[in-house]
Amino acid sequence: MSRGAEFRERAAAWLRAREAACDDRGSGAAAVIMFALLFMALAAFVVDGGLSISQRERAADIAEQAARYAAQDIDEEALRASQGNSAPINYENCGARVHEFATRSGLSAADVAASGCVSASAQQVRVRIRLTYRPVLTGLFYSAPLTVHGTATAESVTG
């Protein structure tokens, strides 16, 4: 074999190796996978962020309703004695009424136990409701449940 033929054979082998090393087949698939993961992460934050806002509103709504329910337990004898001028709340029953309302609202037993009256007097009651939920998409990465709270005040007014 002549020197020229040997050189051409080496050059051809080097070119084949170079083409194989510079092959970019499959690089588009890697980009698609990265963008799909990025899209899923953004979708998870959007969906679970909306769920978080929704659950906070639900906790606040339940707290408002539970406060009204607790404030509706008025001392009827005192109301009659004042001839309708004042309607004192039976605030001693506030915790029991909040737990009753929370149970009827479908809260879990743990959330009912963590909910209750923050403060109570004959004129007003302040209620705090705890609500626990599991995220939808971020639950794939973060498995712990999330907790939100709602607080509301109701007062006794006559007139």
N, C-alpha and C. Protein backbone atom coordinates (compact mmCIF):
# COMPACT_ATOMS: atom_id res chain seq x y z
N MET A 1 0.84 -1.15 0.00
CA MET A 1 0.00 0.00 0.00
C MET A 1 0.89 1.22 0.00
N SER A 2 0.56 2.14 -0.86
CA SER A 2 1.39 3.34 -0.98
C SER A 2 1.09 4.30 0.15
N ARG A 3 2.02 5.18 0.29
CA ARG A 3 1.88 6.19 1.35
C ARG A 3 0.66 7.06 1.14
N GLY A 4 0.32 7.39 -0.05
CA GLY A 4 -0.84 8.23 -0.35
C GLY A 4 -2.15 7.51 -0.02
N ALA A 5 -2.21 6.22 -0.34
CA ALA A 5 -3.41 5.44 -0.05
C ALA A 5 -3.60 5.28 1.45
N GLU A 6 -2.49 5.08 2.14
CA GLU A 6 -2.55 4.96 3.61
C GLU A 6 -3.04 6.27 4.22
N PHE A 7 -2.57 7.37 3.72
CA PHE A 7 -3.00 8.67 4.22
C PHE A 7 -4.48 8.90 3.96
N ARG A 8 -4.93 8.53 2.75
CA ARG A 8 -6.36 8.69 2.43
C ARG A 8 -7.23 7.81 3.32
N GLU A 9 -6.79 6.62 3.61
CA GLU A 9 -7.55 5.71 4.47
C GLU A 9 -7.64 6.26 5.89
N ARG A 10 -6.51 6.79 6.40
CA ARG A 10 -6.52 7.40 7.73
C ARG A 10 -7.42 8.63 7.78
N ALA A 11 -7.35 9.43 6.73
CA ALA A 11 -8.18 10.64 6.67
C ALA A 11 -9.66 10.27 6.63
N ALA A 12 -9.99 9.25 5.84
CA ALA A 12 -11.39 8.82 5.75
C ALA A 12 -11.87 8.28 7.10
N ALA A 13 -11.02 7.51 7.80
CA ALA A 13 -11.39 6.99 9.13
C ALA A 13 -11.57 8.14 10.13
N TRP A 14 -10.66 9.12 10.03
CA TRP A 14 -10.78 10.27 10.94
C TRP A 14 -12.06 11.05 10.67
N LEU A 15 -12.44 11.24 9.40
CA LEU A 15 -13.67 11.96 9.04
C LEU A 15 -14.90 11.20 9.52
N ARG A 16 -14.89 9.86 9.38
CA ARG A 16 -16.04 9.07 9.87
C ARG A 16 -16.17 9.19 11.38
N ALA A 17 -15.07 9.14 12.10
CA ALA A 17 -15.10 9.28 13.56
C ALA A 17 -15.56 10.68 13.95
N ARG A 18 -15.10 11.67 13.21
CA ARG A 18 -15.49 13.06 13.50
C ARG A 18 -16.98 13.26 13.27
N GLU A 19 -17.53 12.73 12.19
CA GLU A 19 -18.96 12.85 11.91
C GLU A 19 -19.79 12.15 12.99
N ALA A 20 -19.34 11.01 13.43
CA ALA A 20 -20.06 10.27 14.47
C ALA A 20 -20.04 11.05 15.79
N ALA A 21 -18.91 11.69 16.09
CA ALA A 21 -18.79 12.43 17.35
C ALA A 21 -19.61 13.72 17.31
N CYS A 22 -19.80 14.30 16.13
CA CYS A 22 -20.53 15.57 16.01
C CYS A 22 -21.99 15.37 15.65
N ASP A 23 -22.47 14.18 15.74
CA ASP A 23 -23.86 13.91 15.38
C ASP A 23 -24.78 14.56 16.41
N ASP A 24 -25.75 15.37 15.97
CA ASP A 24 -26.64 16.07 16.90
C ASP A 24 -28.04 15.47 16.91
N ARG A 25 -28.16 14.24 16.43
CA ARG A 25 -29.46 13.58 16.49
C ARG A 25 -29.84 13.37 17.95
N GLY A 26 -31.11 13.65 18.32
CA GLY A 26 -31.59 13.47 19.68
C GLY A 26 -31.48 14.71 20.55
N SER A 27 -30.78 15.72 20.08
CA SER A 27 -30.64 16.93 20.91
C SER A 27 -31.98 17.67 21.00
N GLY A 28 -32.81 17.56 20.00
CA GLY A 28 -34.14 18.17 20.05
C GLY A 28 -35.03 17.51 21.10
N ALA A 29 -34.89 16.22 21.25
CA ALA A 29 -35.68 15.49 22.26
C ALA A 29 -35.33 15.96 23.67
N ALA A 30 -34.05 16.22 23.89
CA ALA A 30 -33.64 16.71 25.22
C ALA A 30 -34.26 18.08 25.49
N ALA A 31 -34.31 18.93 24.50
CA ALA A 31 -34.92 20.26 24.67
C ALA A 31 -36.42 20.14 24.93
N VAL A 32 -37.07 19.24 24.21
CA VAL A 32 -38.52 19.03 24.42
C VAL A 32 -38.79 18.54 25.84
N ILE A 33 -37.99 17.63 26.33
CA ILE A 33 -38.17 17.10 27.69
C ILE A 33 -37.96 18.21 28.71
N MET A 34 -36.95 19.04 28.52
CA MET A 34 -36.70 20.12 29.48
C MET A 34 -37.85 21.12 29.48
N PHE A 35 -38.37 21.49 28.30
CA PHE A 35 -39.49 22.42 28.24
C PHE A 35 -40.77 21.81 28.80
N ALA A 36 -40.97 20.51 28.61
CA ALA A 36 -42.14 19.85 29.18
C ALA A 36 -42.09 19.86 30.71
N LEU A 37 -40.92 19.61 31.26
CA LEU A 37 -40.78 19.66 32.72
C LEU A 37 -41.00 21.08 33.24
N LEU A 38 -40.47 22.06 32.54
CA LEU A 38 -40.67 23.46 32.94
C LEU A 38 -42.15 23.82 32.88
N PHE A 39 -42.83 23.40 31.82
CA PHE A 39 -44.26 23.67 31.67
C PHE A 39 -45.07 23.01 32.79
N MET A 40 -44.74 21.78 33.13
CA MET A 40 -45.44 21.08 34.22
C MET A 40 -45.23 21.78 35.56
N ALA A 41 -44.01 22.26 35.80
CA ALA A 41 -43.73 22.96 37.05
C ALA A 41 -44.53 24.25 37.13
N LEU A 42 -44.59 25.00 36.04
CA LEU A 42 -45.38 26.24 36.03
C LEU A 42 -46.87 25.94 36.18
N ALA A 43 -47.35 24.92 35.52
CA ALA A 43 -48.76 24.54 35.64
C ALA A 43 -49.09 24.13 37.07
N ALA A 44 -48.16 23.44 37.72
CA ALA A 44 -48.39 23.03 39.12
C ALA A 44 -48.53 24.26 40.01
N PHE A 45 -47.69 25.24 39.82
CA PHE A 45 -47.79 26.45 40.64
C PHE A 45 -49.07 27.22 40.36
N VAL A 46 -49.49 27.27 39.12
CA VAL A 46 -50.73 27.98 38.78
C VAL A 46 -51.94 27.26 39.38
N VAL A 47 -52.03 25.96 39.16
CA VAL A 47 -53.18 25.19 39.65
C VAL A 47 -53.22 25.17 41.17
N ASP A 48 -52.10 24.86 41.80
CA ASP A 48 -52.08 24.78 43.26
C ASP A 48 -52.14 26.15 43.91
N GLY A 49 -51.66 27.19 43.24
CA GLY A 49 -51.83 28.55 43.75
C GLY A 49 -53.29 28.95 43.76
N GLY A 50 -54.00 28.61 42.70
CA GLY A 50 -55.44 28.87 42.66
C GLY A 50 -56.19 28.07 43.71
N LEU A 51 -55.78 26.83 43.92
CA LEU A 51 -56.41 26.00 44.95
C LEU A 51 -56.16 26.59 46.33
N SER A 52 -54.98 27.10 46.56
CA SER A 52 -54.66 27.72 47.86
C SER A 52 -55.55 28.93 48.11
N ILE A 53 -55.72 29.77 47.11
CA ILE A 53 -56.59 30.95 47.25
C ILE A 53 -58.02 30.50 47.52
N SER A 54 -58.47 29.49 46.79
CA SER A 54 -59.83 28.98 46.96
C SER A 54 -60.04 28.43 48.37
N GLN A 55 -59.07 27.68 48.89
CA GLN A 55 -59.21 27.10 50.22
C GLN A 55 -59.17 28.18 51.31
N ARG A 56 -58.37 29.23 51.10
CA ARG A 56 -58.36 30.34 52.07
C ARG A 56 -59.70 31.04 52.11
N GLU A 57 -60.30 31.25 50.93
CA GLU A 57 -61.63 31.85 50.88
C GLU A 57 -62.66 30.95 51.55
N ARG A 58 -62.55 29.66 51.31
CA ARG A 58 -63.49 28.72 51.94
C ARG A 58 -63.36 28.75 53.45
N ALA A 59 -62.12 28.79 53.97
CA ALA A 59 -61.91 28.86 55.41
C ALA A 59 -62.49 30.15 55.97
N ALA A 60 -62.31 31.26 55.27
CA ALA A 60 -62.87 32.54 55.73
C ALA A 60 -64.40 32.50 55.71
N ASP A 61 -64.98 31.90 54.67
CA ASP A 61 -66.44 31.79 54.59
C ASP A 61 -67.00 30.94 55.73
N ILE A 62 -66.36 29.81 55.99
CA ILE A 62 -66.82 28.94 57.08
C ILE A 62 -66.67 29.66 58.41
N ALA A 63 -65.59 30.42 58.58
CA ALA A 63 -65.38 31.17 59.83
C ALA A 63 -66.48 32.22 60.02
N GLU A 64 -66.84 32.93 58.94
CA GLU A 64 -67.91 33.93 59.04
C GLU A 64 -69.23 33.27 59.43
N GLN A 65 -69.54 32.17 58.79
CA GLN A 65 -70.80 31.48 59.09
C GLN A 65 -70.79 30.89 60.50
N ALA A 66 -69.66 30.35 60.92
CA ALA A 66 -69.56 29.79 62.27
C ALA A 66 -69.69 30.89 63.32
N ALA A 67 -69.12 32.06 63.05
CA ALA A 67 -69.24 33.18 63.99
C ALA A 67 -70.70 33.63 64.09
N ARG A 68 -71.38 33.70 62.96
CA ARG A 68 -72.81 34.06 63.00
C ARG A 68 -73.62 33.01 63.76
N TYR A 69 -73.29 31.75 63.52
CA TYR A 69 -74.00 30.67 64.20
C TYR A 69 -73.79 30.74 65.71
N ALA A 70 -72.56 31.02 66.13
CA ALA A 70 -72.28 31.14 67.57
C ALA A 70 -72.96 32.37 68.16
N ALA A 71 -73.00 33.47 67.39
CA ALA A 71 -73.60 34.71 67.89
C ALA A 71 -75.13 34.63 67.93
N GLN A 72 -75.72 33.70 67.22
CA GLN A 72 -77.18 33.55 67.25
C GLN A 72 -77.67 32.93 68.55
N ASP A 73 -76.78 32.36 69.32
CA ASP A 73 -77.16 31.77 70.61
C ASP A 73 -77.23 32.90 71.63
N ILE A 74 -78.37 33.56 71.69
CA ILE A 74 -78.52 34.72 72.58
C ILE A 74 -79.27 34.33 73.85
N ASP A 75 -79.07 35.13 74.87
CA ASP A 75 -79.75 34.95 76.15
C ASP A 75 -81.14 35.55 76.02
N GLU A 76 -82.14 34.68 75.80
CA GLU A 76 -83.50 35.16 75.55
C GLU A 76 -84.11 35.88 76.76
N GLU A 77 -83.79 35.42 77.96
CA GLU A 77 -84.32 36.09 79.15
C GLU A 77 -83.79 37.51 79.28
N ALA A 78 -82.51 37.69 79.03
CA ALA A 78 -81.93 39.03 79.09
C ALA A 78 -82.49 39.91 77.97
N LEU A 79 -82.75 39.33 76.82
CA LEU A 79 -83.35 40.08 75.71
C LEU A 79 -84.75 40.57 76.09
N ARG A 80 -85.54 39.70 76.70
CA ARG A 80 -86.89 40.10 77.13
C ARG A 80 -86.83 41.12 78.26
N ALA A 81 -85.90 40.93 79.18
CA ALA A 81 -85.80 41.86 80.31
C ALA A 81 -85.39 43.25 79.85
N SER A 82 -84.60 43.35 78.80
CA SER A 82 -84.18 44.67 78.30
C SER A 82 -85.18 45.22 77.30
N GLN A 83 -86.27 44.52 77.08
CA GLN A 83 -87.34 44.90 76.14
C GLN A 83 -86.78 45.10 74.72
N GLY A 84 -85.86 44.23 74.35
CA GLY A 84 -85.32 44.24 72.99
C GLY A 84 -84.20 45.22 72.76
N ASN A 85 -83.70 45.86 73.82
CA ASN A 85 -82.62 46.85 73.65
C ASN A 85 -81.24 46.21 73.59
N SER A 86 -81.05 45.06 74.21
CA SER A 86 -79.76 44.38 74.14
C SER A 86 -80.01 42.88 74.04
N ALA A 87 -79.15 42.24 73.27
CA ALA A 87 -79.27 40.79 73.07
C ALA A 87 -77.91 40.17 73.36
N PRO A 88 -77.63 39.88 74.64
CA PRO A 88 -76.33 39.31 74.98
C PRO A 88 -76.19 37.88 74.45
N ILE A 89 -74.98 37.58 74.00
CA ILE A 89 -74.67 36.26 73.45
C ILE A 89 -74.33 35.31 74.60
N ASN A 90 -74.81 34.08 74.52
CA ASN A 90 -74.38 33.04 75.46
C ASN A 90 -72.98 32.60 75.03
N TYR A 91 -71.99 33.40 75.35
CA TYR A 91 -70.63 33.18 74.85
C TYR A 91 -69.97 31.95 75.46
N GLU A 92 -70.53 31.43 76.54
CA GLU A 92 -69.95 30.21 77.13
C GLU A 92 -70.10 29.02 76.18
N ASN A 93 -71.09 29.07 75.30
CA ASN A 93 -71.35 27.98 74.36
C ASN A 93 -70.63 28.17 73.02
N CYS A 94 -69.82 29.20 72.89
CA CYS A 94 -69.21 29.55 71.60
C CYS A 94 -68.39 28.38 71.03
N GLY A 95 -67.51 27.82 71.82
CA GLY A 95 -66.66 26.72 71.33
C GLY A 95 -67.46 25.53 70.84
N ALA A 96 -68.48 25.15 71.60
CA ALA A 96 -69.31 24.00 71.21
C ALA A 96 -70.08 24.29 69.93
N ARG A 97 -70.58 25.51 69.80
CA ARG A 97 -71.35 25.86 68.58
C ARG A 97 -70.44 25.93 67.35
N VAL A 98 -69.22 26.42 67.54
CA VAL A 98 -68.28 26.46 66.41
C VAL A 98 -67.92 25.04 65.98
N HIS A 99 -67.66 24.16 66.93
CA HIS A 99 -67.34 22.76 66.59
C HIS A 99 -68.53 22.10 65.90
N GLU A 100 -69.73 22.37 66.37
CA GLU A 100 -70.92 21.80 65.74
C GLU A 100 -71.05 22.29 64.29
N PHE A 101 -70.86 23.59 64.08
CA PHE A 101 -70.98 24.13 62.73
C PHE A 101 -69.87 23.59 61.83
N ALA A 102 -68.66 23.51 62.34
CA ALA A 102 -67.54 23.00 61.54
C ALA A 102 -67.77 21.55 61.14
N THR A 103 -68.32 20.76 62.05
CA THR A 103 -68.62 19.37 61.74
C THR A 103 -69.67 19.28 60.65
N ARG A 104 -70.72 20.09 60.76
CA ARG A 104 -71.77 20.10 59.73
C ARG A 104 -71.25 20.61 58.38
N SER A 105 -70.21 21.42 58.40
CA SER A 105 -69.64 21.95 57.15
C SER A 105 -68.75 20.95 56.44
N GLY A 106 -68.50 19.81 57.06
CA GLY A 106 -67.72 18.76 56.41
C GLY A 106 -66.23 18.82 56.67
N LEU A 107 -65.79 19.56 57.68
CA LEU A 107 -64.37 19.61 58.00
C LEU A 107 -63.95 18.30 58.65
N SER A 108 -62.67 17.97 58.51
CA SER A 108 -62.16 16.74 59.12
C SER A 108 -62.16 16.88 60.64
N ALA A 109 -62.07 15.77 61.33
CA ALA A 109 -62.07 15.79 62.79
C ALA A 109 -60.90 16.59 63.34
N ALA A 110 -59.73 16.48 62.70
CA ALA A 110 -58.56 17.24 63.15
C ALA A 110 -58.77 18.74 62.96
N ASP A 111 -59.40 19.13 61.85
CA ASP A 111 -59.66 20.55 61.62
C ASP A 111 -60.72 21.08 62.58
N VAL A 112 -61.72 20.26 62.87
CA VAL A 112 -62.74 20.68 63.84
C VAL A 112 -62.11 20.89 65.21
N ALA A 113 -61.24 19.96 65.61
CA ALA A 113 -60.59 20.08 66.92
C ALA A 113 -59.68 21.30 66.99
N ALA A 114 -59.07 21.71 65.87
CA ALA A 114 -58.17 22.87 65.87
C ALA A 114 -58.91 24.18 65.68
N SER A 115 -60.20 24.14 65.41
CA SER A 115 -61.01 25.34 65.22
C SER A 115 -61.72 25.69 66.52
N GLY A 116 -62.09 26.95 66.65
CA GLY A 116 -62.82 27.33 67.85
C GLY A 116 -62.91 28.83 68.01
N CYS A 117 -63.32 29.24 69.20
CA CYS A 117 -63.46 30.66 69.52
C CYS A 117 -62.11 31.21 69.95
N VAL A 118 -61.71 32.31 69.34
CA VAL A 118 -60.50 32.99 69.74
C VAL A 118 -60.79 33.86 70.95
N SER A 119 -61.91 34.58 70.88
CA SER A 119 -62.37 35.40 72.01
C SER A 119 -63.89 35.47 71.95
N ALA A 120 -64.49 35.60 73.11
CA ALA A 120 -65.95 35.65 73.17
C ALA A 120 -66.38 36.52 74.34
N SER A 121 -67.40 37.32 74.10
CA SER A 121 -68.00 38.13 75.16
C SER A 121 -69.50 38.17 74.90
N ALA A 122 -70.22 38.85 75.76
CA ALA A 122 -71.67 38.95 75.60
C ALA A 122 -72.03 39.78 74.37
N GLN A 123 -71.09 40.55 73.84
CA GLN A 123 -71.37 41.42 72.69
C GLN A 123 -70.86 40.89 71.36
N GLN A 124 -69.76 40.12 71.38
CA GLN A 124 -69.22 39.60 70.12
C GLN A 124 -68.43 38.32 70.34
N VAL A 125 -68.31 37.56 69.26
CA VAL A 125 -67.49 36.35 69.25
C VAL A 125 -66.52 36.42 68.07
N ARG A 126 -65.32 35.93 68.30
CA ARG A 126 -64.30 35.87 67.24
C ARG A 126 -63.93 34.41 67.06
N VAL A 127 -64.02 33.93 65.82
CA VAL A 127 -63.88 32.51 65.50
C VAL A 127 -62.70 32.31 64.55
N ARG A 128 -61.99 31.20 64.76
CA ARG A 128 -60.89 30.83 63.85
C ARG A 128 -61.13 29.39 63.38
N ILE A 129 -61.09 29.21 62.07
CA ILE A 129 -61.31 27.90 61.45
C ILE A 129 -60.02 27.46 60.76
N ARG A 130 -59.66 26.21 60.96
CA ARG A 130 -58.50 25.63 60.27
C ARG A 130 -59.01 24.69 59.20
N LEU A 131 -58.37 24.75 58.04
CA LEU A 131 -58.75 23.90 56.92
C LEU A 131 -57.47 23.30 56.33
N THR A 132 -57.44 21.98 56.21
CA THR A 132 -56.28 21.27 55.67
C THR A 132 -56.64 20.68 54.31
N TYR A 133 -55.73 20.81 53.35
CA TYR A 133 -55.97 20.26 52.01
C TYR A 133 -54.65 19.76 51.43
N ARG A 134 -54.76 18.95 50.40
CA ARG A 134 -53.59 18.43 49.72
C ARG A 134 -53.48 19.11 48.35
N PRO A 135 -52.28 19.56 48.00
CA PRO A 135 -52.11 20.17 46.68
C PRO A 135 -52.28 19.12 45.58
N VAL A 136 -52.70 19.59 44.40
CA VAL A 136 -53.00 18.68 43.30
C VAL A 136 -51.72 18.27 42.56
N LEU A 137 -51.05 19.22 41.94
CA LEU A 137 -49.89 18.88 41.11
C LEU A 137 -48.57 18.94 41.87
N THR A 138 -48.42 19.90 42.78
CA THR A 138 -47.16 19.93 43.54
C THR A 138 -47.13 18.79 44.55
N GLY A 139 -48.26 18.12 44.73
CA GLY A 139 -48.29 16.94 45.58
C GLY A 139 -47.41 15.82 45.04
N LEU A 140 -47.05 15.89 43.76
CA LEU A 140 -46.13 14.91 43.20
C LEU A 140 -44.73 15.08 43.78
N PHE A 141 -44.39 16.33 44.15
CA PHE A 141 -43.06 16.63 44.68
C PHE A 141 -43.09 16.89 46.18
N TYR A 142 -44.21 17.42 46.67
CA TYR A 142 -44.35 17.83 48.07
C TYR A 142 -45.58 17.13 48.61
N SER A 143 -45.40 16.11 49.43
CA SER A 143 -46.53 15.26 49.80
C SER A 143 -47.24 15.68 51.07
N ALA A 144 -46.73 16.64 51.82
CA ALA A 144 -47.36 17.03 53.08
C ALA A 144 -48.62 17.88 52.81
N PRO A 145 -49.66 17.72 53.62
CA PRO A 145 -50.85 18.56 53.44
C PRO A 145 -50.56 20.01 53.85
N LEU A 146 -51.32 20.92 53.27
CA LEU A 146 -51.17 22.34 53.58
C LEU A 146 -52.34 22.79 54.44
N THR A 147 -52.11 23.78 55.29
CA THR A 147 -53.13 24.27 56.21
C THR A 147 -53.36 25.75 56.00
N VAL A 148 -54.63 26.14 55.96
CA VAL A 148 -55.00 27.55 55.88
C VAL A 148 -55.96 27.86 57.03
N HIS A 149 -56.05 29.12 57.38
CA HIS A 149 -56.93 29.54 58.48
C HIS A 149 -57.84 30.67 58.02
N GLY A 150 -59.01 30.71 58.61
CA GLY A 150 -59.95 31.80 58.39
C GLY A 150 -60.42 32.31 59.74
N THR A 151 -60.49 33.62 59.88
CA THR A 151 -60.91 34.23 61.14
C THR A 151 -62.04 35.22 60.85
N ALA A 152 -63.06 35.24 61.71
CA ALA A 152 -64.18 36.16 61.52
C ALA A 152 -64.76 36.54 62.87
N THR A 153 -65.41 37.69 62.90
CA THR A 153 -66.05 38.20 64.11
C THR A 153 -67.52 38.47 63.83
N ALA A 154 -68.37 38.12 64.77
CA ALA A 154 -69.80 38.44 64.69
C ALA A 154 -70.19 39.09 66.00
N GLU A 155 -71.03 40.10 65.90
CA GLU A 155 -71.49 40.78 67.11
C GLU A 155 -72.99 40.83 67.17
N SER A 156 -73.48 40.98 68.37
CA SER A 156 -74.90 41.03 68.61
C SER A 156 -75.38 42.47 68.50
N VAL A 157 -76.33 42.70 67.59
CA VAL A 157 -76.87 44.05 67.38
C VAL A 157 -78.38 43.95 67.39
N THR A 158 -79.01 44.85 68.07
CA THR A 158 -80.48 44.90 68.07
C THR A 158 -80.92 46.16 67.36
N GLY A 159 -82.15 46.15 66.96
CA GLY A 159 -82.64 47.40 66.34
C GLY A 159 -83.52 47.13 65.26
